[in-house]
N, C-alpha and C. Protein backbone atom coordinates (compact mmCIF):
# COMPACT_ATOMS: atom_id res chain seq x y z
N UNK A 1 0.84 -1.17 0.00
CA UNK A 1 0.00 0.00 0.00
C UNK A 1 0.89 1.24 0.00
N UNK A 2 0.49 2.24 -0.74
CA UNK A 2 1.25 3.50 -0.75
C UNK A 2 0.79 4.34 0.44
N UNK A 3 0.52 5.61 0.23
CA UNK A 3 0.09 6.48 1.32
C UNK A 3 -1.27 6.05 1.87
N UNK A 4 -2.20 5.73 1.00
CA UNK A 4 -3.49 5.18 1.41
C UNK A 4 -3.91 4.16 0.38
N UNK A 5 -4.85 3.31 0.73
CA UNK A 5 -5.34 2.30 -0.20
C UNK A 5 -5.99 1.15 0.53
N UNK A 6 -6.28 0.11 -0.20
CA UNK A 6 -7.01 -1.03 0.34
C UNK A 6 -6.21 -2.32 0.17
N UNK A 7 -6.36 -3.20 1.15
CA UNK A 7 -5.84 -4.56 1.04
C UNK A 7 -7.00 -5.50 0.74
N UNK A 8 -6.76 -6.50 -0.07
CA UNK A 8 -7.74 -7.58 -0.23
C UNK A 8 -7.58 -8.52 0.96
N UNK A 9 -8.68 -8.94 1.54
CA UNK A 9 -8.65 -9.89 2.65
C UNK A 9 -8.99 -11.27 2.12
N UNK A 10 -8.15 -12.24 2.46
CA UNK A 10 -8.34 -13.62 2.01
C UNK A 10 -8.30 -14.55 3.21
N UNK A 11 -9.03 -15.66 3.12
CA UNK A 11 -8.90 -16.73 4.11
C UNK A 11 -7.59 -17.43 3.87
N UNK A 12 -6.83 -17.65 4.92
CA UNK A 12 -5.52 -18.30 4.77
C UNK A 12 -5.65 -19.68 4.15
N UNK A 13 -6.64 -20.43 4.61
CA UNK A 13 -6.77 -21.82 4.20
C UNK A 13 -7.11 -21.98 2.71
N UNK A 14 -7.94 -21.07 2.20
CA UNK A 14 -8.46 -21.24 0.84
C UNK A 14 -8.02 -20.15 -0.12
N UNK A 15 -7.49 -19.07 0.41
CA UNK A 15 -7.13 -17.87 -0.36
C UNK A 15 -8.35 -17.24 -1.03
N UNK A 16 -9.54 -17.56 -0.54
CA UNK A 16 -10.77 -16.97 -1.06
C UNK A 16 -10.88 -15.52 -0.59
N UNK A 17 -11.28 -14.63 -1.49
CA UNK A 17 -11.50 -13.22 -1.16
C UNK A 17 -12.70 -13.11 -0.23
N UNK A 18 -12.51 -12.44 0.92
CA UNK A 18 -13.63 -12.30 1.86
C UNK A 18 -13.96 -10.85 2.18
N UNK A 19 -13.13 -9.90 1.74
CA UNK A 19 -13.41 -8.50 2.01
C UNK A 19 -12.21 -7.63 1.73
N UNK A 20 -12.23 -6.43 2.34
CA UNK A 20 -11.14 -5.49 2.15
C UNK A 20 -10.95 -4.67 3.42
N UNK A 21 -9.77 -4.07 3.55
CA UNK A 21 -9.47 -3.18 4.67
C UNK A 21 -8.39 -2.21 4.21
N UNK A 22 -8.33 -1.05 4.84
CA UNK A 22 -7.30 -0.10 4.48
C UNK A 22 -7.58 1.29 4.98
N UNK A 23 -7.00 2.26 4.30
CA UNK A 23 -7.12 3.66 4.72
C UNK A 23 -7.45 4.55 3.54
N UNK A 24 -7.98 5.72 3.88
CA UNK A 24 -8.42 6.67 2.86
C UNK A 24 -8.30 8.07 3.44
N UNK A 25 -7.83 9.01 2.64
CA UNK A 25 -7.77 10.41 3.05
C UNK A 25 -8.60 11.22 2.06
N UNK A 26 -9.86 11.50 2.40
CA UNK A 26 -10.72 12.25 1.49
C UNK A 26 -10.13 13.63 1.19
N UNK A 27 -10.39 14.12 0.00
CA UNK A 27 -9.88 15.42 -0.40
C UNK A 27 -10.77 16.56 0.08
N UNK A 28 -11.85 16.23 0.77
CA UNK A 28 -12.74 17.25 1.31
C UNK A 28 -12.03 18.02 2.41
N UNK A 29 -12.15 19.31 2.40
CA UNK A 29 -11.50 20.12 3.41
C UNK A 29 -12.09 19.98 4.80
N UNK A 30 -13.33 19.48 4.89
CA UNK A 30 -13.98 19.38 6.19
C UNK A 30 -13.81 18.01 6.84
N UNK A 31 -13.06 17.10 6.20
CA UNK A 31 -12.88 15.77 6.77
C UNK A 31 -11.80 15.83 7.83
N UNK A 32 -12.02 15.22 9.01
CA UNK A 32 -11.09 15.42 10.13
C UNK A 32 -9.75 14.71 10.06
N UNK A 33 -9.55 13.77 9.15
CA UNK A 33 -8.25 13.12 9.09
C UNK A 33 -8.27 11.81 8.34
N UNK A 34 -7.21 11.04 8.49
CA UNK A 34 -7.05 9.76 7.82
C UNK A 34 -8.10 8.78 8.35
N UNK A 35 -8.83 8.16 7.44
CA UNK A 35 -9.89 7.23 7.82
C UNK A 35 -9.46 5.80 7.54
N UNK A 36 -9.77 4.90 8.46
CA UNK A 36 -9.56 3.48 8.23
C UNK A 36 -10.92 2.81 8.09
N UNK A 37 -10.89 1.66 7.43
CA UNK A 37 -12.14 0.94 7.27
C UNK A 37 -11.93 -0.51 6.89
N UNK A 38 -12.99 -1.29 6.99
CA UNK A 38 -12.98 -2.70 6.64
C UNK A 38 -14.38 -3.09 6.23
N UNK A 39 -14.47 -3.99 5.30
CA UNK A 39 -15.74 -4.52 4.83
C UNK A 39 -15.55 -6.01 4.58
N UNK A 40 -16.44 -6.81 5.14
CA UNK A 40 -16.38 -8.26 4.95
C UNK A 40 -17.69 -8.77 4.39
N UNK A 41 -17.60 -9.82 3.59
CA UNK A 41 -18.81 -10.50 3.13
C UNK A 41 -19.51 -11.07 4.37
N UNK A 42 -20.84 -10.96 4.45
CA UNK A 42 -21.56 -11.44 5.63
C UNK A 42 -21.28 -12.89 6.02
N UNK A 43 -20.94 -13.73 5.07
CA UNK A 43 -20.61 -15.13 5.40
C UNK A 43 -19.40 -15.24 6.32
N UNK A 44 -18.62 -14.17 6.42
CA UNK A 44 -17.38 -14.21 7.19
C UNK A 44 -17.42 -13.32 8.43
N UNK A 45 -18.60 -12.82 8.77
CA UNK A 45 -18.76 -12.05 10.00
C UNK A 45 -18.65 -12.98 11.21
N UNK A 46 -18.15 -12.44 12.32
CA UNK A 46 -18.15 -13.18 13.57
C UNK A 46 -17.01 -14.17 13.74
N UNK A 47 -16.00 -14.09 12.88
CA UNK A 47 -14.87 -15.02 12.98
C UNK A 47 -13.56 -14.32 13.37
N UNK A 48 -13.62 -13.02 13.66
CA UNK A 48 -12.42 -12.28 14.05
C UNK A 48 -11.63 -11.70 12.90
N UNK A 49 -12.11 -11.88 11.67
CA UNK A 49 -11.36 -11.37 10.52
C UNK A 49 -11.31 -9.84 10.51
N UNK A 50 -12.42 -9.18 10.84
CA UNK A 50 -12.43 -7.72 10.88
C UNK A 50 -11.49 -7.20 11.96
N UNK A 51 -11.47 -7.86 13.10
CA UNK A 51 -10.57 -7.46 14.17
C UNK A 51 -9.11 -7.57 13.72
N UNK A 52 -8.77 -8.68 13.10
CA UNK A 52 -7.40 -8.88 12.61
C UNK A 52 -7.04 -7.83 11.55
N UNK A 53 -7.94 -7.62 10.60
CA UNK A 53 -7.68 -6.65 9.53
C UNK A 53 -7.66 -5.23 10.07
N UNK A 54 -8.57 -4.90 10.97
CA UNK A 54 -8.61 -3.57 11.55
C UNK A 54 -7.35 -3.24 12.32
N UNK A 55 -6.87 -4.19 13.10
CA UNK A 55 -5.62 -3.97 13.85
C UNK A 55 -4.44 -3.79 12.91
N UNK A 56 -4.39 -4.58 11.84
CA UNK A 56 -3.31 -4.43 10.87
C UNK A 56 -3.36 -3.06 10.20
N UNK A 57 -4.56 -2.60 9.86
CA UNK A 57 -4.70 -1.28 9.23
C UNK A 57 -4.28 -0.17 10.19
N UNK A 58 -4.70 -0.25 11.44
CA UNK A 58 -4.31 0.74 12.44
C UNK A 58 -2.80 0.76 12.61
N UNK A 59 -2.20 -0.41 12.80
CA UNK A 59 -0.75 -0.49 12.98
C UNK A 59 -0.01 0.09 11.78
N UNK A 60 -0.46 -0.25 10.57
CA UNK A 60 0.19 0.24 9.36
C UNK A 60 0.08 1.75 9.27
N UNK A 61 -1.10 2.29 9.55
CA UNK A 61 -1.30 3.74 9.44
C UNK A 61 -0.41 4.51 10.41
N UNK A 62 -0.35 4.06 11.66
CA UNK A 62 0.50 4.76 12.63
C UNK A 62 1.98 4.60 12.32
N UNK A 63 2.38 3.49 11.73
CA UNK A 63 3.78 3.28 11.37
C UNK A 63 4.19 4.06 10.13
N UNK A 64 3.24 4.40 9.26
CA UNK A 64 3.57 4.99 7.96
C UNK A 64 3.06 6.40 7.75
N UNK A 65 2.38 6.96 8.74
CA UNK A 65 1.87 8.33 8.65
C UNK A 65 2.23 9.07 9.94
N UNK A 66 2.47 10.34 9.82
CA UNK A 66 2.76 11.17 10.99
C UNK A 66 1.43 11.66 11.55
N UNK A 67 0.74 10.80 12.30
CA UNK A 67 -0.59 11.10 12.82
C UNK A 67 -0.67 10.70 14.29
N UNK A 68 -1.62 11.31 14.99
CA UNK A 68 -1.89 10.97 16.38
C UNK A 68 -3.21 10.25 16.57
N UNK A 69 -4.07 10.29 15.55
CA UNK A 69 -5.37 9.63 15.64
C UNK A 69 -5.87 9.25 14.26
N UNK A 70 -6.85 8.37 14.24
CA UNK A 70 -7.50 7.92 13.01
C UNK A 70 -8.99 8.18 13.11
N UNK A 71 -9.64 8.25 11.96
CA UNK A 71 -11.08 8.45 11.89
C UNK A 71 -11.72 7.16 11.39
N UNK A 72 -12.87 6.82 11.95
CA UNK A 72 -13.65 5.68 11.46
C UNK A 72 -15.11 6.07 11.50
N UNK A 73 -15.77 6.09 10.34
CA UNK A 73 -17.20 6.38 10.25
C UNK A 73 -17.95 5.05 10.28
N UNK A 74 -18.77 4.85 11.31
CA UNK A 74 -19.48 3.58 11.50
C UNK A 74 -20.95 3.88 11.76
N UNK A 75 -21.83 3.13 11.12
CA UNK A 75 -23.25 3.28 11.38
C UNK A 75 -23.56 2.96 12.84
N UNK A 76 -24.48 3.69 13.44
CA UNK A 76 -24.82 3.48 14.84
C UNK A 76 -25.26 2.06 15.14
N UNK A 77 -25.97 1.44 14.21
CA UNK A 77 -26.48 0.09 14.45
C UNK A 77 -25.41 -1.00 14.24
N UNK A 78 -24.25 -0.64 13.73
CA UNK A 78 -23.20 -1.63 13.47
C UNK A 78 -22.31 -1.77 14.70
N UNK A 79 -22.85 -2.39 15.73
CA UNK A 79 -22.12 -2.51 17.00
C UNK A 79 -20.89 -3.41 16.89
N UNK A 80 -20.93 -4.39 16.02
CA UNK A 80 -19.76 -5.26 15.85
C UNK A 80 -18.57 -4.46 15.31
N UNK A 81 -18.82 -3.60 14.33
CA UNK A 81 -17.74 -2.79 13.77
C UNK A 81 -17.27 -1.75 14.79
N UNK A 82 -18.17 -1.23 15.59
CA UNK A 82 -17.77 -0.31 16.65
C UNK A 82 -16.83 -1.00 17.63
N UNK A 83 -17.10 -2.25 17.94
CA UNK A 83 -16.22 -3.01 18.85
C UNK A 83 -14.84 -3.20 18.24
N UNK A 84 -14.78 -3.46 16.94
CA UNK A 84 -13.49 -3.61 16.26
C UNK A 84 -12.71 -2.29 16.33
N UNK A 85 -13.39 -1.17 16.18
CA UNK A 85 -12.74 0.14 16.16
C UNK A 85 -12.19 0.55 17.53
N UNK A 86 -12.66 -0.08 18.58
CA UNK A 86 -12.15 0.28 19.92
C UNK A 86 -10.77 -0.25 20.07
């Protein structure tokens, strides 16, 4: 990944594509900072993949950007994703 971008998420056992994770810096002047995110196919929810990918994205962003915080936009009803973001 360069400054920002997405990783493809695959199951180790099968190498099947199950989602994506990464970072994005919108060009909007009102956006508060570097945003991280993850999206998984519903068949793969609840197995810890988002947690693993989210932690990798956070670690990569802090190691490769001069930042003190990250932004994550999450729907209020998406409590599982909120837990990953903590």
